[in-house]
Amino acid sequence: MSLTDVVPWDRRLEQYELMFDLSPSALEALIPGCGDEPARFNAEMTELGHVLISVDPIDQLSTEQIKQRVSHPGKSVLRL
């Protein structure tokens, strides 16, 4: 599998609630996420005491590589 030009993207809790029509009780469930770790949603949910399980191929990159992708999208390739 090859993911070309993957750029981290940020979404807030409020955006996820609207996109997925999440109710307060749904937010109490164990929420799996795929390819969503850069999302602010994860940080906001963790701060509220919720548990998320995120799986993201971007985890194989270093902090510096992720910063580079955000600063210069389109100049890097993530291969799995």
PDB file of N, CA and C in Angstrom:
ATOM      1  N   MET A   1       0.839  -1.164   0.000  1.00  0.00           N
ATOM      2  CA  MET A   1       0.000   0.000   0.000  1.00  0.00           C
ATOM      3  C   MET A   1       0.887   1.231   0.000  1.00  0.00           C
ATOM      4  N   SER A   2       0.495   2.227  -0.747  1.00  0.00           N
ATOM      5  CA  SER A   2       1.232   3.483  -0.794  1.00  0.00           C
ATOM      6  C   SER A   2       0.266   4.638  -0.577  1.00  0.00           C
ATOM      7  N   LEU A   3       0.558   5.466   0.397  1.00  0.00           N
ATOM      8  CA  LEU A   3      -0.233   6.667   0.629  1.00  0.00           C
ATOM      9  C   LEU A   3       0.602   7.842   0.163  1.00  0.00           C
ATOM     10  N   THR A   4       0.173   8.470  -0.895  1.00  0.00           N
ATOM     11  CA  THR A   4       0.945   9.556  -1.480  1.00  0.00           C
ATOM     12  C   THR A   4       0.435  10.900  -0.986  1.00  0.00           C
ATOM     13  N   ASP A   5       1.357  11.745  -0.614  1.00  0.00           N
ATOM     14  CA  ASP A   5       1.038  13.107  -0.206  1.00  0.00           C
ATOM     15  C   ASP A   5       0.025  13.181   0.929  1.00  0.00           C
ATOM     16  N   VAL A   6       0.224  12.374   1.953  1.00  0.00           N
ATOM     17  CA  VAL A   6      -0.647  12.407   3.114  1.00  0.00           C
ATOM     18  C   VAL A   6      -0.295  13.640   3.938  1.00  0.00           C
ATOM     19  N   VAL A   7      -1.310  14.454   4.241  1.00  0.00           N
ATOM     20  CA  VAL A   7      -1.108  15.660   5.024  1.00  0.00           C
ATOM     21  C   VAL A   7      -2.009  15.579   6.258  1.00  0.00           C
ATOM     22  N   PRO A   8      -1.445  15.738   7.457  1.00  0.00           N
ATOM     23  CA  PRO A   8      -2.267  15.729   8.659  1.00  0.00           C
ATOM     24  C   PRO A   8      -3.322  16.827   8.606  1.00  0.00           C
ATOM     25  N   TRP A   9      -4.451  16.551   9.200  1.00  0.00           N
ATOM     26  CA  TRP A   9      -5.583  17.439   9.089  1.00  0.00           C
ATOM     27  C   TRP A   9      -6.271  17.509  10.426  1.00  0.00           C
ATOM     28  N   ASP A  10      -6.750  18.651  10.779  1.00  0.00           N
ATOM     29  CA  ASP A  10      -7.255  18.900  12.128  1.00  0.00           C
ATOM     30  C   ASP A  10      -8.766  19.079  12.114  1.00  0.00           C
ATOM     31  N   ARG A  11      -9.459  18.305  12.942  1.00  0.00           N
ATOM     32  CA  ARG A  11     -10.903  18.479  13.133  1.00  0.00           C
ATOM     33  C   ARG A  11     -11.183  18.492  14.631  1.00  0.00           C
ATOM     34  N   ARG A  12     -12.123  19.347  15.005  1.00  0.00           N
ATOM     35  CA  ARG A  12     -12.497  19.506  16.412  1.00  0.00           C
ATOM     36  C   ARG A  12     -13.649  18.578  16.778  1.00  0.00           C
ATOM     37  N   LEU A  13     -13.852  18.408  18.087  1.00  0.00           N
ATOM     38  CA  LEU A  13     -14.939  17.595  18.622  1.00  0.00           C
ATOM     39  C   LEU A  13     -16.277  18.036  18.022  1.00  0.00           C
ATOM     40  N   GLU A  14     -16.520  19.325  17.993  1.00  0.00           N
ATOM     41  CA  GLU A  14     -17.791  19.834  17.464  1.00  0.00           C
ATOM     42  C   GLU A  14     -18.007  19.405  16.005  1.00  0.00           C
ATOM     43  N   GLN A  15     -16.954  19.403  15.208  1.00  0.00           N
ATOM     44  CA  GLN A  15     -17.067  18.979  13.811  1.00  0.00           C
ATOM     45  C   GLN A  15     -17.420  17.493  13.716  1.00  0.00           C
ATOM     46  N   TYR A  16     -16.801  16.656  14.555  1.00  0.00           N
ATOM     47  CA  TYR A  16     -17.111  15.225  14.554  1.00  0.00           C
ATOM     48  C   TYR A  16     -18.547  14.986  15.005  1.00  0.00           C
ATOM     49  N   GLU A  17     -18.981  15.744  16.018  1.00  0.00           N
ATOM     50  CA  GLU A  17     -20.362  15.597  16.487  1.00  0.00           C
ATOM     51  C   GLU A  17     -21.343  15.889  15.348  1.00  0.00           C
ATOM     52  N   LEU A  18     -21.072  16.921  14.571  1.00  0.00           N
ATOM     53  CA  LEU A  18     -21.946  17.281  13.455  1.00  0.00           C
ATOM     54  C   LEU A  18     -21.833  16.285  12.293  1.00  0.00           C
ATOM     55  N   MET A  19     -20.614  15.906  11.926  1.00  0.00           N
ATOM     56  CA  MET A  19     -20.411  14.994  10.785  1.00  0.00           C
ATOM     57  C   MET A  19     -21.042  13.636  11.018  1.00  0.00           C
ATOM     58  N   PHE A  20     -20.903  13.119  12.242  1.00  0.00           N
ATOM     59  CA  PHE A  20     -21.347  11.764  12.537  1.00  0.00           C
ATOM     60  C   PHE A  20     -22.607  11.723  13.398  1.00  0.00           C
ATOM     61  N   ASP A  21     -23.214  12.892  13.641  1.00  0.00           N
ATOM     62  CA  ASP A  21     -24.430  12.996  14.443  1.00  0.00           C
ATOM     63  C   ASP A  21     -24.249  12.267  15.783  1.00  0.00           C
ATOM     64  N   LEU A  22     -23.149  12.587  16.452  1.00  0.00           N
ATOM     65  CA  LEU A  22     -22.817  11.914  17.721  1.00  0.00           C
ATOM     66  C   LEU A  22     -23.635  12.490  18.871  1.00  0.00           C
ATOM     67  N   SER A  23     -24.294  11.622  19.592  1.00  0.00           N
ATOM     68  CA  SER A  23     -25.051  12.020  20.774  1.00  0.00           C
ATOM     69  C   SER A  23     -24.118  11.973  21.980  1.00  0.00           C
ATOM     70  N   PRO A  24     -24.529  12.603  23.092  1.00  0.00           N
ATOM     71  CA  PRO A  24     -23.699  12.502  24.307  1.00  0.00           C
ATOM     72  C   PRO A  24     -23.451  11.047  24.720  1.00  0.00           C
ATOM     73  N   SER A  25     -24.449  10.175  24.554  1.00  0.00           N
ATOM     74  CA  SER A  25     -24.238   8.775  24.938  1.00  0.00           C
ATOM     75  C   SER A  25     -23.266   8.079  23.988  1.00  0.00           C
ATOM     76  N   ALA A  26     -23.260   8.469  22.716  1.00  0.00           N
ATOM     77  CA  ALA A  26     -22.307   7.879  21.761  1.00  0.00           C
ATOM     78  C   ALA A  26     -20.877   8.243  22.133  1.00  0.00           C
ATOM     79  N   LEU A  27     -20.689   9.427  22.690  1.00  0.00           N
ATOM     80  CA  LEU A  27     -19.352   9.861  23.087  1.00  0.00           C
ATOM     81  C   LEU A  27     -18.836   9.091  24.296  1.00  0.00           C
ATOM     82  N   GLU A  28     -19.715   8.409  25.007  1.00  0.00           N
ATOM     83  CA  GLU A  28     -19.310   7.601  26.153  1.00  0.00           C
ATOM     84  C   GLU A  28     -18.769   6.236  25.725  1.00  0.00           C
ATOM     85  N   ALA A  29     -19.040   5.835  24.488  1.00  0.00           N
ATOM     86  CA  ALA A  29     -18.583   4.536  23.987  1.00  0.00           C
ATOM     87  C   ALA A  29     -17.086   4.591  23.675  1.00  0.00           C
ATOM     88  N   LEU A  30     -16.487   3.426  23.535  1.00  0.00           N
ATOM     89  CA  LEU A  30     -15.099   3.339  23.096  1.00  0.00           C
ATOM     90  C   LEU A  30     -15.090   3.669  21.610  1.00  0.00           C
ATOM     91  N   ILE A  31     -14.404   4.705  21.226  1.00  0.00           N
ATOM     92  CA  ILE A  31     -14.447   5.195  19.853  1.00  0.00           C
ATOM     93  C   ILE A  31     -13.168   4.816  19.121  1.00  0.00           C
ATOM     94  N   PRO A  32     -13.283   4.026  18.045  1.00  0.00           N
ATOM     95  CA  PRO A  32     -12.105   3.723  17.227  1.00  0.00           C
ATOM     96  C   PRO A  32     -11.920   4.807  16.166  1.00  0.00           C
ATOM     97  N   GLY A  33     -10.691   5.084  15.837  1.00  0.00           N
ATOM     98  CA  GLY A  33     -10.400   6.052  14.784  1.00  0.00           C
ATOM     99  C   GLY A  33      -9.319   5.524  13.873  1.00  0.00           C
ATOM    100  N   CYS A  34      -9.495   5.708  12.602  1.00  0.00           N
ATOM    101  CA  CYS A  34      -8.495   5.283  11.616  1.00  0.00           C
ATOM    102  C   CYS A  34      -8.026   6.499  10.841  1.00  0.00           C
ATOM    103  N   GLY A  35      -6.749   6.746  10.886  1.00  0.00           N
ATOM    104  CA  GLY A  35      -6.182   7.880  10.154  1.00  0.00           C
ATOM    105  C   GLY A  35      -6.612   9.225  10.730  1.00  0.00           C
ATOM    106  N   ASP A  36      -6.836   9.277  12.040  1.00  0.00           N
ATOM    107  CA  ASP A  36      -7.371  10.504  12.625  1.00  0.00           C
ATOM    108  C   ASP A  36      -6.526  11.099  13.743  1.00  0.00           C
ATOM    109  N   GLU A  37      -5.341  10.598  13.957  1.00  0.00           N
ATOM    110  CA  GLU A  37      -4.588  11.036  15.125  1.00  0.00           C
ATOM    111  C   GLU A  37      -4.227  12.513  15.151  1.00  0.00           C
ATOM    112  N   PRO A  38      -3.983  13.164  14.033  1.00  0.00           N
ATOM    113  CA  PRO A  38      -3.688  14.590  14.144  1.00  0.00           C
ATOM    114  C   PRO A  38      -4.907  15.433  14.531  1.00  0.00           C
ATOM    115  N   ALA A  39      -6.102  14.829  14.522  1.00  0.00           N
ATOM    116  CA  ALA A  39      -7.313  15.585  14.803  1.00  0.00           C
ATOM    117  C   ALA A  39      -7.345  16.094  16.237  1.00  0.00           C
ATOM    118  N   ARG A  40      -7.753  17.318  16.383  1.00  0.00           N
ATOM    119  CA  ARG A  40      -7.902  17.911  17.709  1.00  0.00           C
ATOM    120  C   ARG A  40      -8.982  17.175  18.498  1.00  0.00           C
ATOM    121  N   PHE A  41      -9.872  16.500  17.786  1.00  0.00           N
ATOM    122  CA  PHE A  41     -10.927  15.693  18.396  1.00  0.00           C
ATOM    123  C   PHE A  41     -10.345  14.757  19.445  1.00  0.00           C
ATOM    124  N   ASN A  42      -9.251  14.113  19.118  1.00  0.00           N
ATOM    125  CA  ASN A  42      -8.637  13.164  20.044  1.00  0.00           C
ATOM    126  C   ASN A  42      -8.201  13.850  21.334  1.00  0.00           C
ATOM    127  N   ALA A  43      -7.572  14.985  21.220  1.00  0.00           N
ATOM    128  CA  ALA A  43      -7.105  15.713  22.399  1.00  0.00           C
ATOM    129  C   ALA A  43      -8.288  16.210  23.225  1.00  0.00           C
ATOM    130  N   GLU A  44      -9.306  16.739  22.566  1.00  0.00           N
ATOM    131  CA  GLU A  44     -10.473  17.247  23.288  1.00  0.00           C
ATOM    132  C   GLU A  44     -11.199  16.120  24.024  1.00  0.00           C
ATOM    133  N   MET A  45     -11.364  14.982  23.355  1.00  0.00           N
ATOM    134  CA  MET A  45     -12.040  13.846  23.998  1.00  0.00           C
ATOM    135  C   MET A  45     -11.223  13.337  25.184  1.00  0.00           C
ATOM    136  N   THR A  46      -9.908  13.250  25.040  1.00  0.00           N
ATOM    137  CA  THR A  46      -9.041  12.796  26.126  1.00  0.00           C
ATOM    138  C   THR A  46      -9.141  13.750  27.315  1.00  0.00           C
ATOM    139  N   GLU A  47      -9.139  15.054  27.044  1.00  0.00           N
ATOM    140  CA  GLU A  47      -9.268  16.045  28.118  1.00  0.00           C
ATOM    141  C   GLU A  47     -10.587  15.887  28.870  1.00  0.00           C
ATOM    142  N   LEU A  48     -11.631  15.427  28.173  1.00  0.00           N
ATOM    143  CA  LEU A  48     -12.945  15.222  28.794  1.00  0.00           C
ATOM    144  C   LEU A  48     -13.046  13.863  29.496  1.00  0.00           C
ATOM    145  N   GLY A  49     -11.948  13.066  29.437  1.00  0.00           N
ATOM    146  CA  GLY A  49     -11.913  11.780  30.121  1.00  0.00           C
ATOM    147  C   GLY A  49     -12.424  10.608  29.301  1.00  0.00           C
ATOM    148  N   HIS A  50     -12.615  10.794  28.007  1.00  0.00           N
ATOM    149  CA  HIS A  50     -13.072   9.708  27.139  1.00  0.00           C
ATOM    150  C   HIS A  50     -11.881   8.899  26.636  1.00  0.00           C
ATOM    151  N   VAL A  51     -12.159   7.694  26.161  1.00  0.00           N
ATOM    152  CA  VAL A  51     -11.111   6.809  25.659  1.00  0.00           C
ATOM    153  C   VAL A  51     -11.285   6.625  24.162  1.00  0.00           C
ATOM    154  N   LEU A  52     -10.207   6.826  23.422  1.00  0.00           N
ATOM    155  CA  LEU A  52     -10.196   6.614  21.979  1.00  0.00           C
ATOM    156  C   LEU A  52      -9.088   5.639  21.640  1.00  0.00           C
ATOM    157  N   ILE A  53      -9.301   4.883  20.595  1.00  0.00           N
ATOM    158  CA  ILE A  53      -8.253   4.017  20.069  1.00  0.00           C
ATOM    159  C   ILE A  53      -8.015   4.472  18.638  1.00  0.00           C
ATOM    160  N   SER A  54      -6.852   5.016  18.383  1.00  0.00           N
ATOM    161  CA  SER A  54      -6.535   5.529  17.057  1.00  0.00           C
ATOM    162  C   SER A  54      -5.437   4.711  16.407  1.00  0.00           C
ATOM    163  N   VAL A  55      -5.620   4.446  15.144  1.00  0.00           N
ATOM    164  CA  VAL A  55      -4.631   3.742  14.333  1.00  0.00           C
ATOM    165  C   VAL A  55      -4.359   4.634  13.134  1.00  0.00           C
ATOM    166  N   ASP A  56      -3.116   4.993  12.955  1.00  0.00           N
ATOM    167  CA  ASP A  56      -2.805   5.935  11.884  1.00  0.00           C
ATOM    168  C   ASP A  56      -1.426   5.613  11.311  1.00  0.00           C
ATOM    169  N   PRO A  57      -1.338   5.443   9.987  1.00  0.00           N
ATOM    170  CA  PRO A  57      -0.035   5.150   9.387  1.00  0.00           C
ATOM    171  C   PRO A  57       0.968   6.281   9.572  1.00  0.00           C
ATOM    172  N   ILE A  58       0.490   7.465   9.891  1.00  0.00           N
ATOM    173  CA  ILE A  58       1.404   8.585  10.083  1.00  0.00           C
ATOM    174  C   ILE A  58       2.261   8.396  11.338  1.00  0.00           C
ATOM    175  N   ASP A  59       1.844   7.470  12.225  1.00  0.00           N
ATOM    176  CA  ASP A  59       2.615   7.210  13.445  1.00  0.00           C
ATOM    177  C   ASP A  59       4.027   6.733  13.168  1.00  0.00           C
ATOM    178  N   GLN A  60       4.280   6.219  11.983  1.00  0.00           N
ATOM    179  CA  GLN A  60       5.632   5.759  11.692  1.00  0.00           C
ATOM    180  C   GLN A  60       6.585   6.921  11.397  1.00  0.00           C
ATOM    181  N   LEU A  61       6.033   8.122  11.244  1.00  0.00           N
ATOM    182  CA  LEU A  61       6.869   9.290  10.972  1.00  0.00           C
ATOM    183  C   LEU A  61       7.307   9.949  12.278  1.00  0.00           C
ATOM    184  N   SER A  62       8.407  10.639  12.221  1.00  0.00           N
ATOM    185  CA  SER A  62       8.882  11.392  13.381  1.00  0.00           C
ATOM    186  C   SER A  62       8.091  12.700  13.485  1.00  0.00           C
ATOM    187  N   THR A  63       8.206  13.348  14.634  1.00  0.00           N
ATOM    188  CA  THR A  63       7.550  14.644  14.825  1.00  0.00           C
ATOM    189  C   THR A  63       8.010  15.624  13.756  1.00  0.00           C
ATOM    190  N   GLU A  64       9.293  15.624  13.462  1.00  0.00           N
ATOM    191  CA  GLU A  64       9.837  16.541  12.454  1.00  0.00           C
ATOM    192  C   GLU A  64       9.260  16.249  11.070  1.00  0.00           C
ATOM    193  N   GLN A  65       9.120  14.977  10.720  1.00  0.00           N
ATOM    194  CA  GLN A  65       8.552  14.625   9.416  1.00  0.00           C
ATOM    195  C   GLN A  65       7.094  15.072   9.314  1.00  0.00           C
ATOM    196  N   ILE A  66       6.351  14.936  10.398  1.00  0.00           N
ATOM    197  CA  ILE A  66       4.956  15.370  10.390  1.00  0.00           C
ATOM    198  C   ILE A  66       4.881  16.886  10.244  1.00  0.00           C
ATOM    199  N   LYS A  67       5.728  17.606  10.973  1.00  0.00           N
ATOM    200  CA  LYS A  67       5.774  19.072  10.839  1.00  0.00           C
ATOM    201  C   LYS A  67       6.084  19.467   9.405  1.00  0.00           C
ATOM    202  N   GLN A  68       6.995  18.747   8.774  1.00  0.00           N
ATOM    203  CA  GLN A  68       7.374  19.029   7.387  1.00  0.00           C
ATOM    204  C   GLN A  68       6.174  18.861   6.463  1.00  0.00           C
ATOM    205  N   ARG A  69       5.374  17.833   6.690  1.00  0.00           N
ATOM    206  CA  ARG A  69       4.189  17.596   5.857  1.00  0.00           C
ATOM    207  C   ARG A  69       3.179  18.718   5.996  1.00  0.00           C
ATOM    208  N   VAL A  70       3.024  19.211   7.210  1.00  0.00           N
ATOM    209  CA  VAL A  70       2.074  20.289   7.439  1.00  0.00           C
ATOM    210  C   VAL A  70       2.583  21.568   6.776  1.00  0.00           C
ATOM    211  N   SER A  71       3.880  21.817   6.889  1.00  0.00           N
ATOM    212  CA  SER A  71       4.479  23.036   6.341  1.00  0.00           C
ATOM    213  C   SER A  71       4.596  23.017   4.821  1.00  0.00           C
ATOM    214  N   HIS A  72       4.851  21.826   4.262  1.00  0.00           N
ATOM    215  CA  HIS A  72       5.088  21.700   2.826  1.00  0.00           C
ATOM    216  C   HIS A  72       4.314  20.514   2.259  1.00  0.00           C
ATOM    217  N   PRO A  73       2.974  20.596   2.234  1.00  0.00           N
ATOM    218  CA  PRO A  73       2.195  19.464   1.715  1.00  0.00           C
ATOM    219  C   PRO A  73       2.555  19.164   0.263  1.00  0.00           C
ATOM    220  N   GLY A  74       2.513  17.898  -0.068  1.00  0.00           N
ATOM    221  CA  GLY A  74       2.797  17.496  -1.440  1.00  0.00           C
ATOM    222  C   GLY A  74       4.247  17.174  -1.725  1.00  0.00           C
ATOM    223  N   LYS A  75       5.136  17.380  -0.750  1.00  0.00           N
ATOM    224  CA  LYS A  75       6.552  17.134  -0.993  1.00  0.00           C
ATOM    225  C   LYS A  75       7.062  15.858  -0.344  1.00  0.00           C
ATOM    226  N   SER A  76       6.160  15.053   0.208  1.00  0.00           N
ATOM    227  CA  SER A  76       6.607  13.829   0.842  1.00  0.00           C
ATOM    228  C   SER A  76       5.631  12.703   0.547  1.00  0.00           C
ATOM    229  N   VAL A  77       6.134  11.503   0.683  1.00  0.00           N
ATOM    230  CA  VAL A  77       5.332  10.307   0.395  1.00  0.00           C
ATOM    231  C   VAL A  77       5.462   9.341   1.554  1.00  0.00           C
ATOM    232  N   LEU A  78       4.357   8.785   1.974  1.00  0.00           N
ATOM    233  CA  LEU A  78       4.344   7.790   3.034  1.00  0.00           C
ATOM    234  C   LEU A  78       4.062   6.443   2.383  1.00  0.00           C
ATOM    235  N   ARG A  79       4.970   5.510   2.518  1.00  0.00           N
ATOM    236  CA  ARG A  79       4.788   4.185   1.916  1.00  0.00           C
ATOM    237  C   ARG A  79       4.675   3.146   3.026  1.00  0.00           C
ATOM    238  N   LEU A  80       3.689   2.278   2.882  1.00  0.00           N
ATOM    239  CA  LEU A  80       3.501   1.195   3.851  1.00  0.00           C
ATOM    240  C   LEU A  80       3.728  -0.131   3.167  1.00  0.00           C
TER     241      LEU A  80
END
